[in-house]
Amino acid sequence: MSYVTDKIDDEVVRLLQNGGAGLLPTDTIYGLSCRAEDPKAVERLHRLKGRNANKPFIVLISDIKMLNMLSIFKFDRELIKNYWPGALSIICPALAAPDWLQRGANTLAVRLPDYPKLISLVDQVGPIISTSANPQGRPPARSAAEARSLFGDKLDFYVDIGELDNPPSTLVAVENGKLKVVRQGAVKIEAKEQL
């Protein structure tokens, strides 16, 4: 039986620390989440989504210092200062990141969300995976009820804060010192910052 709550609480922290995976709200959409440093939990999310085995997940951090935990050492802080915290996910070189996390891509997409309760959770458990709450190729769940109809007791917990009907984060890569939009989402990138 999955744990269902209306807030990020101590039980959610405990479940994540013990290898759990569940549904968390973000500042954009609901995400399937687990600790990014837990290889078994990350593999579990890949299987639950039916996700391409070579496609890494977005990782949420609570502080730029967490990039070192993910083996991300090249990062242009100046380029994203106007967007973090917020709904911008940036693809970074991560050659030294564990293969089960970067999936052979040698990159990781990371984001510092603009959601204090989620940041507090990440402070407690470390970086977390966040991927849309849907099987690959289907629309993301906009509520915990929709997610439960898709995943049932395959998830350890559901944090239900009502409907979230926002666009996902904008996904960008850095090329020649500029942001290149890979997936348009909640953040609109200024033309001068695009290639």
N, C-alpha and C. Protein backbone atom coordinates (compact mmCIF):
# COMPACT_ATOMS: atom_id res chain seq x y z
N MET A 1 0.85 -1.19 0.00
CA MET A 1 0.00 0.00 0.00
C MET A 1 0.88 1.24 0.00
N SER A 2 0.64 2.15 -0.92
CA SER A 2 1.42 3.37 -1.02
C SER A 2 1.02 4.37 0.05
N TYR A 3 1.99 5.14 0.51
CA TYR A 3 1.75 6.21 1.46
C TYR A 3 1.26 7.44 0.70
N VAL A 4 0.13 8.02 1.13
CA VAL A 4 -0.43 9.21 0.48
C VAL A 4 -0.50 10.32 1.51
N THR A 5 -0.01 11.50 1.14
CA THR A 5 0.00 12.64 2.05
C THR A 5 -0.23 13.92 1.24
N ASP A 6 -0.56 15.00 1.93
CA ASP A 6 -0.76 16.28 1.24
C ASP A 6 0.42 17.22 1.44
N LYS A 7 1.54 16.69 1.98
CA LYS A 7 2.72 17.53 2.15
C LYS A 7 3.98 16.67 2.17
N ILE A 8 5.10 17.33 1.91
CA ILE A 8 6.39 16.64 2.00
C ILE A 8 6.72 16.56 3.48
N ASP A 9 6.68 15.35 4.05
CA ASP A 9 6.84 15.19 5.49
C ASP A 9 7.97 14.21 5.82
N ASP A 10 8.13 13.91 7.10
CA ASP A 10 9.21 13.03 7.54
C ASP A 10 9.11 11.63 6.94
N GLU A 11 7.90 11.15 6.70
CA GLU A 11 7.74 9.81 6.12
C GLU A 11 8.24 9.79 4.68
N VAL A 12 7.99 10.85 3.92
CA VAL A 12 8.50 10.95 2.55
C VAL A 12 10.03 10.95 2.58
N VAL A 13 10.61 11.72 3.50
CA VAL A 13 12.07 11.74 3.66
C VAL A 13 12.59 10.33 3.95
N ARG A 14 11.95 9.64 4.91
CA ARG A 14 12.38 8.30 5.30
C ARG A 14 12.31 7.33 4.12
N LEU A 15 11.20 7.39 3.38
CA LEU A 15 11.03 6.49 2.24
C LEU A 15 12.11 6.72 1.18
N LEU A 16 12.40 7.99 0.88
CA LEU A 16 13.45 8.28 -0.09
C LEU A 16 14.81 7.81 0.40
N GLN A 17 15.10 8.06 1.67
CA GLN A 17 16.40 7.65 2.22
C GLN A 17 16.58 6.14 2.21
N ASN A 18 15.48 5.41 2.20
CA ASN A 18 15.53 3.95 2.21
C ASN A 18 15.28 3.33 0.84
N GLY A 19 15.55 4.09 -0.22
CA GLY A 19 15.46 3.54 -1.58
C GLY A 19 14.11 3.66 -2.23
N GLY A 20 13.20 4.43 -1.64
CA GLY A 20 11.86 4.57 -2.19
C GLY A 20 11.79 5.47 -3.41
N ALA A 21 10.69 5.34 -4.12
CA ALA A 21 10.39 6.18 -5.28
C ALA A 21 8.93 6.59 -5.18
N GLY A 22 8.63 7.82 -5.55
CA GLY A 22 7.25 8.27 -5.44
C GLY A 22 6.98 9.51 -6.26
N LEU A 23 5.81 10.08 -6.02
CA LEU A 23 5.33 11.25 -6.74
C LEU A 23 5.52 12.49 -5.88
N LEU A 24 6.23 13.48 -6.44
CA LEU A 24 6.46 14.75 -5.74
C LEU A 24 6.00 15.91 -6.61
N PRO A 25 5.38 16.92 -6.00
CA PRO A 25 5.09 18.15 -6.75
C PRO A 25 6.37 18.96 -6.89
N THR A 26 6.48 19.69 -8.00
CA THR A 26 7.58 20.63 -8.17
C THR A 26 6.97 22.00 -8.44
N ASP A 27 7.80 22.96 -8.79
CA ASP A 27 7.30 24.28 -9.14
C ASP A 27 6.72 24.31 -10.55
N THR A 28 6.78 23.18 -11.26
CA THR A 28 6.20 23.11 -12.60
C THR A 28 5.11 22.03 -12.63
N ILE A 29 5.51 20.76 -12.65
CA ILE A 29 4.57 19.64 -12.75
C ILE A 29 4.89 18.60 -11.67
N TYR A 30 4.05 17.59 -11.58
CA TYR A 30 4.36 16.46 -10.71
C TYR A 30 5.50 15.65 -11.35
N GLY A 31 6.36 15.13 -10.49
CA GLY A 31 7.45 14.31 -10.98
C GLY A 31 7.56 13.00 -10.24
N LEU A 32 7.98 11.95 -10.97
CA LEU A 32 8.37 10.70 -10.32
C LEU A 32 9.77 10.93 -9.80
N SER A 33 10.00 10.62 -8.54
CA SER A 33 11.27 10.97 -7.92
C SER A 33 11.85 9.86 -7.07
N CYS A 34 13.17 9.89 -6.98
CA CYS A 34 13.94 9.03 -6.07
C CYS A 34 15.27 9.74 -5.84
N ARG A 35 16.08 9.22 -4.94
CA ARG A 35 17.40 9.79 -4.74
C ARG A 35 18.27 9.51 -5.96
N ALA A 36 18.93 10.55 -6.47
CA ALA A 36 19.77 10.40 -7.66
C ALA A 36 20.99 9.53 -7.38
N GLU A 37 21.38 9.41 -6.13
CA GLU A 37 22.56 8.63 -5.78
C GLU A 37 22.23 7.17 -5.43
N ASP A 38 21.01 6.76 -5.71
CA ASP A 38 20.58 5.38 -5.43
C ASP A 38 20.37 4.64 -6.75
N PRO A 39 21.38 3.85 -7.20
CA PRO A 39 21.27 3.22 -8.52
C PRO A 39 20.06 2.32 -8.68
N LYS A 40 19.68 1.57 -7.64
CA LYS A 40 18.53 0.67 -7.74
C LYS A 40 17.23 1.46 -7.94
N ALA A 41 17.09 2.57 -7.21
CA ALA A 41 15.88 3.39 -7.34
C ALA A 41 15.82 4.06 -8.71
N VAL A 42 16.97 4.52 -9.22
CA VAL A 42 17.00 5.14 -10.56
C VAL A 42 16.60 4.11 -11.62
N GLU A 43 17.13 2.90 -11.52
CA GLU A 43 16.76 1.84 -12.47
C GLU A 43 15.26 1.53 -12.37
N ARG A 44 14.76 1.55 -11.16
CA ARG A 44 13.33 1.28 -10.96
C ARG A 44 12.47 2.31 -11.70
N LEU A 45 12.85 3.59 -11.62
CA LEU A 45 12.07 4.62 -12.33
C LEU A 45 12.17 4.42 -13.84
N HIS A 46 13.33 4.04 -14.34
CA HIS A 46 13.46 3.78 -15.78
C HIS A 46 12.49 2.67 -16.20
N ARG A 47 12.41 1.62 -15.42
CA ARG A 47 11.50 0.51 -15.75
C ARG A 47 10.04 0.95 -15.65
N LEU A 48 9.68 1.68 -14.58
CA LEU A 48 8.29 2.12 -14.41
C LEU A 48 7.81 2.99 -15.57
N LYS A 49 8.69 3.86 -16.06
CA LYS A 49 8.31 4.74 -17.16
C LYS A 49 8.40 4.06 -18.52
N GLY A 50 9.16 2.96 -18.60
CA GLY A 50 9.43 2.37 -19.91
C GLY A 50 10.31 3.31 -20.71
N ARG A 51 11.22 3.97 -20.03
CA ARG A 51 12.05 5.01 -20.64
C ARG A 51 13.23 4.41 -21.40
N ASN A 52 13.62 5.07 -22.48
CA ASN A 52 14.80 4.70 -23.24
C ASN A 52 15.97 4.55 -22.27
N ALA A 53 16.62 3.42 -22.29
CA ALA A 53 17.70 3.11 -21.34
C ALA A 53 18.88 4.05 -21.45
N ASN A 54 19.03 4.75 -22.59
CA ASN A 54 20.15 5.66 -22.79
C ASN A 54 19.79 7.12 -22.53
N LYS A 55 18.65 7.36 -21.94
CA LYS A 55 18.19 8.73 -21.73
C LYS A 55 18.18 9.03 -20.23
N PRO A 56 19.11 9.90 -19.76
CA PRO A 56 19.14 10.21 -18.33
C PRO A 56 17.97 11.10 -17.91
N PHE A 57 17.70 11.08 -16.61
CA PHE A 57 16.65 11.91 -16.03
C PHE A 57 17.19 13.29 -15.65
N ILE A 58 16.29 14.24 -15.45
CA ILE A 58 16.65 15.53 -14.86
C ILE A 58 16.89 15.31 -13.37
N VAL A 59 17.89 15.99 -12.83
CA VAL A 59 18.23 15.90 -11.42
C VAL A 59 17.98 17.26 -10.76
N LEU A 60 17.25 17.25 -9.66
CA LEU A 60 16.99 18.47 -8.90
C LEU A 60 18.02 18.61 -7.78
N ILE A 61 18.52 19.82 -7.62
CA ILE A 61 19.48 20.13 -6.57
C ILE A 61 18.90 21.22 -5.68
N SER A 62 19.49 21.41 -4.51
CA SER A 62 19.03 22.48 -3.61
C SER A 62 20.04 23.62 -3.53
N ASP A 63 21.22 23.40 -4.10
CA ASP A 63 22.29 24.37 -4.03
C ASP A 63 23.29 24.04 -5.13
N ILE A 64 23.90 25.05 -5.70
CA ILE A 64 24.87 24.83 -6.78
C ILE A 64 26.02 23.94 -6.32
N LYS A 65 26.33 23.95 -5.03
CA LYS A 65 27.41 23.10 -4.52
C LYS A 65 27.12 21.61 -4.75
N MET A 66 25.84 21.25 -4.90
CA MET A 66 25.48 19.85 -5.14
C MET A 66 25.94 19.35 -6.49
N LEU A 67 26.32 20.25 -7.39
CA LEU A 67 26.80 19.82 -8.71
C LEU A 67 28.02 18.93 -8.56
N ASN A 68 28.86 19.20 -7.57
CA ASN A 68 30.04 18.36 -7.35
C ASN A 68 29.66 16.94 -6.99
N MET A 69 28.56 16.77 -6.25
CA MET A 69 28.09 15.43 -5.89
C MET A 69 27.72 14.63 -7.14
N LEU A 70 27.35 15.33 -8.20
CA LEU A 70 26.92 14.70 -9.45
C LEU A 70 28.07 14.63 -10.46
N SER A 71 29.26 15.00 -10.04
CA SER A 71 30.45 15.02 -10.92
C SER A 71 30.28 16.00 -12.08
N ILE A 72 29.64 17.13 -11.80
CA ILE A 72 29.51 18.20 -12.79
C ILE A 72 30.46 19.30 -12.34
N PHE A 73 31.51 19.49 -13.13
CA PHE A 73 32.54 20.45 -12.74
C PHE A 73 32.62 21.65 -13.66
N LYS A 74 32.07 21.52 -14.87
CA LYS A 74 32.04 22.66 -15.79
C LYS A 74 30.62 23.21 -15.79
N PHE A 75 30.46 24.41 -15.24
CA PHE A 75 29.12 24.98 -15.11
C PHE A 75 29.22 26.49 -15.15
N ASP A 76 28.49 27.11 -16.06
CA ASP A 76 28.53 28.57 -16.22
C ASP A 76 27.48 29.21 -15.32
N ARG A 77 27.89 29.57 -14.12
CA ARG A 77 26.95 30.16 -13.15
C ARG A 77 26.38 31.50 -13.64
N GLU A 78 27.21 32.26 -14.33
CA GLU A 78 26.77 33.58 -14.80
C GLU A 78 25.61 33.46 -15.79
N LEU A 79 25.67 32.43 -16.64
CA LEU A 79 24.66 32.26 -17.67
C LEU A 79 23.27 31.97 -17.11
N ILE A 80 23.21 31.32 -15.94
CA ILE A 80 21.89 30.93 -15.41
C ILE A 80 21.47 31.76 -14.19
N LYS A 81 22.24 32.77 -13.82
CA LYS A 81 21.94 33.51 -12.58
C LYS A 81 20.54 34.13 -12.57
N ASN A 82 20.01 34.46 -13.74
CA ASN A 82 18.67 35.05 -13.81
C ASN A 82 17.55 34.01 -13.82
N TYR A 83 17.91 32.72 -13.89
CA TYR A 83 16.90 31.68 -14.04
C TYR A 83 16.77 30.74 -12.85
N TRP A 84 17.78 30.70 -11.98
CA TRP A 84 17.73 29.79 -10.83
C TRP A 84 17.62 30.57 -9.55
N PRO A 85 16.82 30.15 -8.61
CA PRO A 85 15.92 28.99 -8.72
C PRO A 85 14.80 29.27 -9.73
N GLY A 86 14.37 28.21 -10.39
CA GLY A 86 13.31 28.36 -11.37
C GLY A 86 13.16 27.15 -12.27
N ALA A 87 12.40 27.35 -13.33
CA ALA A 87 11.97 26.24 -14.19
C ALA A 87 12.86 26.07 -15.42
N LEU A 88 14.18 26.23 -15.23
CA LEU A 88 15.14 26.01 -16.30
C LEU A 88 16.03 24.83 -15.94
N SER A 89 16.01 23.79 -16.78
CA SER A 89 16.88 22.63 -16.62
C SER A 89 18.02 22.79 -17.62
N ILE A 90 19.25 22.66 -17.13
CA ILE A 90 20.41 22.88 -17.99
C ILE A 90 21.22 21.60 -18.13
N ILE A 91 21.51 21.25 -19.38
CA ILE A 91 22.30 20.05 -19.67
C ILE A 91 23.78 20.39 -19.49
N CYS A 92 24.44 19.62 -18.62
CA CYS A 92 25.84 19.88 -18.27
C CYS A 92 26.71 18.68 -18.61
N PRO A 93 27.99 18.92 -18.95
CA PRO A 93 28.92 17.80 -19.11
C PRO A 93 29.06 17.06 -17.78
N ALA A 94 29.01 15.74 -17.82
CA ALA A 94 29.10 14.94 -16.59
C ALA A 94 29.84 13.64 -16.88
N LEU A 95 31.01 13.78 -17.48
CA LEU A 95 31.79 12.60 -17.89
C LEU A 95 32.12 11.68 -16.74
N ALA A 96 32.29 12.25 -15.54
CA ALA A 96 32.68 11.44 -14.38
C ALA A 96 31.49 10.94 -13.57
N ALA A 97 30.27 11.31 -13.97
CA ALA A 97 29.08 10.85 -13.24
C ALA A 97 28.92 9.35 -13.45
N PRO A 98 28.34 8.64 -12.46
CA PRO A 98 28.15 7.19 -12.62
C PRO A 98 27.31 6.88 -13.87
N ASP A 99 27.65 5.79 -14.54
CA ASP A 99 26.96 5.45 -15.78
C ASP A 99 25.47 5.21 -15.56
N TRP A 100 25.10 4.63 -14.41
CA TRP A 100 23.68 4.39 -14.16
C TRP A 100 22.89 5.69 -14.04
N LEU A 101 23.59 6.82 -13.84
CA LEU A 101 22.91 8.11 -13.73
C LEU A 101 22.94 8.84 -15.08
N GLN A 102 24.11 8.90 -15.71
CA GLN A 102 24.21 9.65 -16.98
C GLN A 102 23.95 8.78 -18.21
N ARG A 103 23.82 7.45 -18.04
CA ARG A 103 23.33 6.51 -19.06
C ARG A 103 24.13 6.54 -20.35
N GLY A 104 25.42 6.83 -20.27
CA GLY A 104 26.24 6.86 -21.46
C GLY A 104 26.16 8.16 -22.24
N ALA A 105 25.35 9.10 -21.78
CA ALA A 105 25.21 10.38 -22.48
C ALA A 105 26.36 11.33 -22.17
N ASN A 106 27.07 11.06 -21.07
CA ASN A 106 28.16 11.92 -20.59
C ASN A 106 27.67 13.32 -20.23
N THR A 107 26.37 13.46 -20.03
CA THR A 107 25.77 14.72 -19.60
C THR A 107 24.68 14.42 -18.57
N LEU A 108 24.33 15.44 -17.81
CA LEU A 108 23.17 15.39 -16.93
C LEU A 108 22.44 16.72 -17.02
N ALA A 109 21.12 16.67 -17.01
CA ALA A 109 20.33 17.89 -16.94
C ALA A 109 20.02 18.14 -15.46
N VAL A 110 20.30 19.34 -15.01
CA VAL A 110 20.09 19.68 -13.60
C VAL A 110 19.23 20.94 -13.49
N ARG A 111 18.57 21.05 -12.32
CA ARG A 111 17.71 22.20 -12.09
C ARG A 111 17.64 22.50 -10.61
N LEU A 112 17.61 23.78 -10.29
CA LEU A 112 17.38 24.25 -8.93
C LEU A 112 15.96 24.80 -8.91
N PRO A 113 15.00 24.03 -8.37
CA PRO A 113 13.59 24.45 -8.44
C PRO A 113 13.28 25.64 -7.53
N ASP A 114 12.24 26.35 -7.88
CA ASP A 114 11.78 27.49 -7.08
C ASP A 114 10.60 27.03 -6.21
N TYR A 115 10.91 26.15 -5.26
CA TYR A 115 9.88 25.55 -4.41
C TYR A 115 10.55 25.22 -3.08
N PRO A 116 10.42 26.11 -2.08
CA PRO A 116 11.14 25.96 -0.81
C PRO A 116 10.96 24.59 -0.14
N LYS A 117 9.77 24.01 -0.15
CA LYS A 117 9.56 22.71 0.50
C LYS A 117 10.34 21.61 -0.21
N LEU A 118 10.43 21.69 -1.52
CA LEU A 118 11.19 20.71 -2.28
C LEU A 118 12.69 20.91 -2.05
N ILE A 119 13.13 22.15 -2.00
CA ILE A 119 14.55 22.44 -1.72
C ILE A 119 14.93 21.90 -0.35
N SER A 120 14.05 22.07 0.62
CA SER A 120 14.31 21.54 1.97
C SER A 120 14.44 20.01 1.93
N LEU A 121 13.59 19.35 1.17
CA LEU A 121 13.67 17.90 1.03
C LEU A 121 15.01 17.49 0.43
N VAL A 122 15.41 18.16 -0.65
CA VAL A 122 16.68 17.84 -1.31
C VAL A 122 17.85 18.10 -0.37
N ASP A 123 17.76 19.13 0.46
CA ASP A 123 18.80 19.37 1.47
C ASP A 123 18.96 18.16 2.38
N GLN A 124 17.84 17.49 2.68
CA GLN A 124 17.87 16.36 3.61
C GLN A 124 18.32 15.05 2.97
N VAL A 125 17.93 14.81 1.72
CA VAL A 125 18.19 13.50 1.11
C VAL A 125 19.24 13.53 0.00
N GLY A 126 19.66 14.71 -0.43
CA GLY A 126 20.59 14.83 -1.55
C GLY A 126 19.85 15.01 -2.86
N PRO A 127 20.57 15.14 -3.97
CA PRO A 127 19.93 15.36 -5.27
C PRO A 127 18.90 14.28 -5.57
N ILE A 128 17.80 14.70 -6.22
CA ILE A 128 16.76 13.74 -6.56
C ILE A 128 16.45 13.79 -8.06
N ILE A 129 16.04 12.64 -8.56
CA ILE A 129 15.54 12.53 -9.93
C ILE A 129 14.16 13.17 -9.95
N SER A 130 13.85 13.84 -11.06
CA SER A 130 12.48 14.30 -11.28
C SER A 130 12.17 14.10 -12.76
N THR A 131 11.20 13.25 -13.03
CA THR A 131 10.78 12.99 -14.40
C THR A 131 9.26 13.02 -14.44
N SER A 132 8.71 13.46 -15.53
CA SER A 132 7.26 13.60 -15.61
C SER A 132 6.56 12.30 -15.22
N ALA A 133 5.40 12.47 -14.60
CA ALA A 133 4.64 11.34 -14.05
C ALA A 133 3.77 10.71 -15.14
N ASN A 134 4.42 9.90 -15.96
CA ASN A 134 3.72 9.23 -17.05
C ASN A 134 4.59 8.12 -17.61
N PRO A 135 3.97 7.08 -18.16
CA PRO A 135 4.74 6.13 -18.95
C PRO A 135 5.26 6.87 -20.20
N GLN A 136 6.42 6.50 -20.67
CA GLN A 136 7.02 7.16 -21.83
C GLN A 136 6.02 7.27 -22.97
N GLY A 137 5.91 8.49 -23.54
CA GLY A 137 5.03 8.70 -24.69
C GLY A 137 3.61 9.11 -24.36
N ARG A 138 3.24 9.09 -23.07
CA ARG A 138 1.89 9.51 -22.68
C ARG A 138 1.95 10.88 -22.01
N PRO A 139 0.83 11.62 -21.95
CA PRO A 139 0.85 12.93 -21.30
C PRO A 139 1.13 12.80 -19.80
N PRO A 140 1.82 13.80 -19.22
CA PRO A 140 2.10 13.76 -17.79
C PRO A 140 0.83 13.87 -16.95
N ALA A 141 0.82 13.19 -15.81
CA ALA A 141 -0.30 13.30 -14.87
C ALA A 141 -0.31 14.70 -14.29
N ARG A 142 -1.50 15.30 -14.22
CA ARG A 142 -1.63 16.64 -13.65
C ARG A 142 -2.06 16.61 -12.19
N SER A 143 -2.35 15.42 -11.69
CA SER A 143 -2.76 15.30 -10.29
C SER A 143 -2.25 13.97 -9.73
N ALA A 144 -2.26 13.89 -8.41
CA ALA A 144 -1.85 12.64 -7.78
C ALA A 144 -2.83 11.52 -8.13
N ALA A 145 -4.11 11.86 -8.25
CA ALA A 145 -5.11 10.85 -8.61
C ALA A 145 -4.81 10.26 -10.00
N GLU A 146 -4.45 11.12 -10.96
CA GLU A 146 -4.08 10.63 -12.29
C GLU A 146 -2.85 9.73 -12.21
N ALA A 147 -1.86 10.17 -11.44
CA ALA A 147 -0.64 9.37 -11.29
C ALA A 147 -0.94 8.02 -10.64
N ARG A 148 -1.81 8.02 -9.65
CA ARG A 148 -2.15 6.74 -8.99
C ARG A 148 -2.86 5.80 -9.95
N SER A 149 -3.67 6.36 -10.87
CA SER A 149 -4.34 5.50 -11.85
C SER A 149 -3.32 4.88 -12.82
N LEU A 150 -2.18 5.55 -13.01
CA LEU A 150 -1.14 5.04 -13.90
C LEU A 150 -0.18 4.07 -13.21
N PHE A 151 0.16 4.36 -11.94
CA PHE A 151 1.22 3.62 -11.27
C PHE A 151 0.78 2.84 -10.03
N GLY A 152 -0.39 3.14 -9.48
CA GLY A 152 -0.90 2.38 -8.33
C GLY A 152 0.12 2.20 -7.23
N ASP A 153 0.23 0.98 -6.73
CA ASP A 153 1.15 0.68 -5.63
C ASP A 153 2.58 0.41 -6.10
N LYS A 154 2.87 0.68 -7.36
CA LYS A 154 4.25 0.55 -7.84
C LYS A 154 5.14 1.67 -7.31
N LEU A 155 4.50 2.76 -6.83
CA LEU A 155 5.23 3.84 -6.17
C LEU A 155 5.04 3.72 -4.67
N ASP A 156 6.05 4.14 -3.92
CA ASP A 156 6.00 4.02 -2.47
C ASP A 156 5.19 5.14 -1.81
N PHE A 157 5.12 6.30 -2.47
CA PHE A 157 4.38 7.42 -1.88
C PHE A 157 3.86 8.36 -2.96
N TYR A 158 2.82 9.11 -2.58
CA TYR A 158 2.23 10.15 -3.42
C TYR A 158 2.04 11.38 -2.55
N VAL A 159 2.61 12.51 -2.97
CA VAL A 159 2.36 13.78 -2.29
C VAL A 159 1.35 14.53 -3.16
N ASP A 160 0.15 14.73 -2.62
CA ASP A 160 -0.98 15.28 -3.36
C ASP A 160 -1.26 16.71 -2.92
N ILE A 161 -0.94 17.69 -3.80
CA ILE A 161 -1.24 19.10 -3.47
C ILE A 161 -2.29 19.66 -4.44
N GLY A 162 -3.08 18.78 -5.05
CA GLY A 162 -4.09 19.23 -6.00
C GLY A 162 -3.54 19.21 -7.42
N GLU A 163 -4.28 19.81 -8.34
CA GLU A 163 -3.89 19.77 -9.74
C GLU A 163 -2.75 20.74 -10.03
N LEU A 164 -1.80 20.30 -10.81
CA LEU A 164 -0.72 21.14 -11.33
C LEU A 164 -0.82 21.11 -12.84
N ASP A 165 -1.22 22.22 -13.42
CA ASP A 165 -1.43 22.27 -14.87
C ASP A 165 -0.50 23.32 -15.47
N ASN A 166 0.80 23.13 -15.25
CA ASN A 166 1.81 24.06 -15.74
C ASN A 166 2.63 23.39 -16.83
N PRO A 167 3.33 24.19 -17.63
CA PRO A 167 4.27 23.56 -18.57
C PRO A 167 5.47 22.99 -17.81
N PRO A 168 6.16 22.01 -18.38
CA PRO A 168 7.36 21.48 -17.72
C PRO A 168 8.48 22.51 -17.78
N SER A 169 9.60 22.19 -17.18
CA SER A 169 10.74 23.09 -17.23
C SER A 169 11.24 23.21 -18.67
N THR A 170 11.87 24.33 -18.96
CA THR A 170 12.56 24.51 -20.24
C THR A 170 13.90 23.80 -20.13
N LEU A 171 14.24 23.03 -21.14
CA LEU A 171 15.50 22.28 -21.16
C LEU A 171 16.45 22.95 -22.13
N VAL A 172 17.65 23.30 -21.65
CA VAL A 172 18.62 23.98 -22.50
C VAL A 172 19.97 23.29 -22.43
N ALA A 173 20.75 23.51 -23.46
CA ALA A 173 22.15 23.12 -23.49
C ALA A 173 22.96 24.40 -23.65
N VAL A 174 24.23 24.36 -23.27
CA VAL A 174 25.11 25.51 -23.46
C VAL A 174 26.03 25.20 -24.63
N GLU A 175 26.00 26.06 -25.63
CA GLU A 175 26.87 25.92 -26.79
C GLU A 175 27.49 27.27 -27.08
N ASN A 176 28.81 27.29 -27.14
CA ASN A 176 29.56 28.52 -27.41
C ASN A 176 29.17 29.65 -26.47
N GLY A 177 28.95 29.29 -25.20
CA GLY A 177 28.64 30.29 -24.19
C GLY A 177 27.23 30.84 -24.23
N LYS A 178 26.34 30.20 -25.01
CA LYS A 178 24.95 30.66 -25.09
C LYS A 178 24.02 29.50 -24.82
N LEU A 179 22.80 29.85 -24.41
CA LEU A 179 21.79 28.83 -24.15
C LEU A 179 21.08 28.44 -25.44
N LYS A 180 20.99 27.15 -25.69
CA LYS A 180 20.26 26.64 -26.84
C LYS A 180 19.08 25.84 -26.31
N VAL A 181 17.86 26.22 -26.69
CA VAL A 181 16.66 25.55 -26.21
C VAL A 181 16.54 24.18 -26.86
N VAL A 182 16.46 23.15 -26.02
CA VAL A 182 16.27 21.77 -26.47
C VAL A 182 14.79 21.42 -26.38
N ARG A 183 14.13 21.89 -25.30
CA ARG A 183 12.69 21.69 -25.13
C ARG A 183 12.12 22.96 -24.53
N GLN A 184 11.20 23.60 -25.24
CA GLN A 184 10.57 24.81 -24.72
C GLN A 184 9.60 24.43 -23.61
N GLY A 185 9.61 25.18 -22.55
CA GLY A 185 8.73 24.92 -21.42
C GLY A 185 8.35 26.21 -20.72
N ALA A 186 8.36 26.19 -19.40
CA ALA A 186 7.86 27.30 -18.59
C ALA A 186 8.68 28.58 -18.72
N VAL A 187 9.98 28.47 -18.96
CA VAL A 187 10.85 29.64 -19.04
C VAL A 187 11.08 30.00 -20.50
N LYS A 188 10.83 31.26 -20.83
CA LYS A 188 11.11 31.74 -22.18
C LYS A 188 12.52 32.32 -22.18
N ILE A 189 13.36 31.81 -23.07
CA ILE A 189 14.74 32.26 -23.16
C ILE A 189 14.82 33.44 -24.12
N GLU A 190 15.50 34.49 -23.70
CA GLU A 190 15.67 35.67 -24.53
C GLU A 190 16.39 35.30 -25.82
N ALA A 191 16.01 35.93 -26.91
CA ALA A 191 16.61 35.62 -28.21
C ALA A 191 18.13 35.80 -28.18
N LYS A 192 18.61 36.80 -27.45
CA LYS A 192 20.07 37.05 -27.41
C LYS A 192 20.83 35.92 -26.73
N GLU A 193 20.12 35.09 -25.96
CA GLU A 193 20.78 33.98 -25.27
C GLU A 193 20.70 32.68 -26.08
N GLN A 194 19.92 32.70 -27.15
CA GLN A 194 19.83 31.52 -28.00
C GLN A 194 20.85 31.61 -29.12
N LEU A 195 21.16 30.47 -29.68
CA LEU A 195 22.10 30.43 -30.83
C LEU A 195 21.41 30.96 -32.07
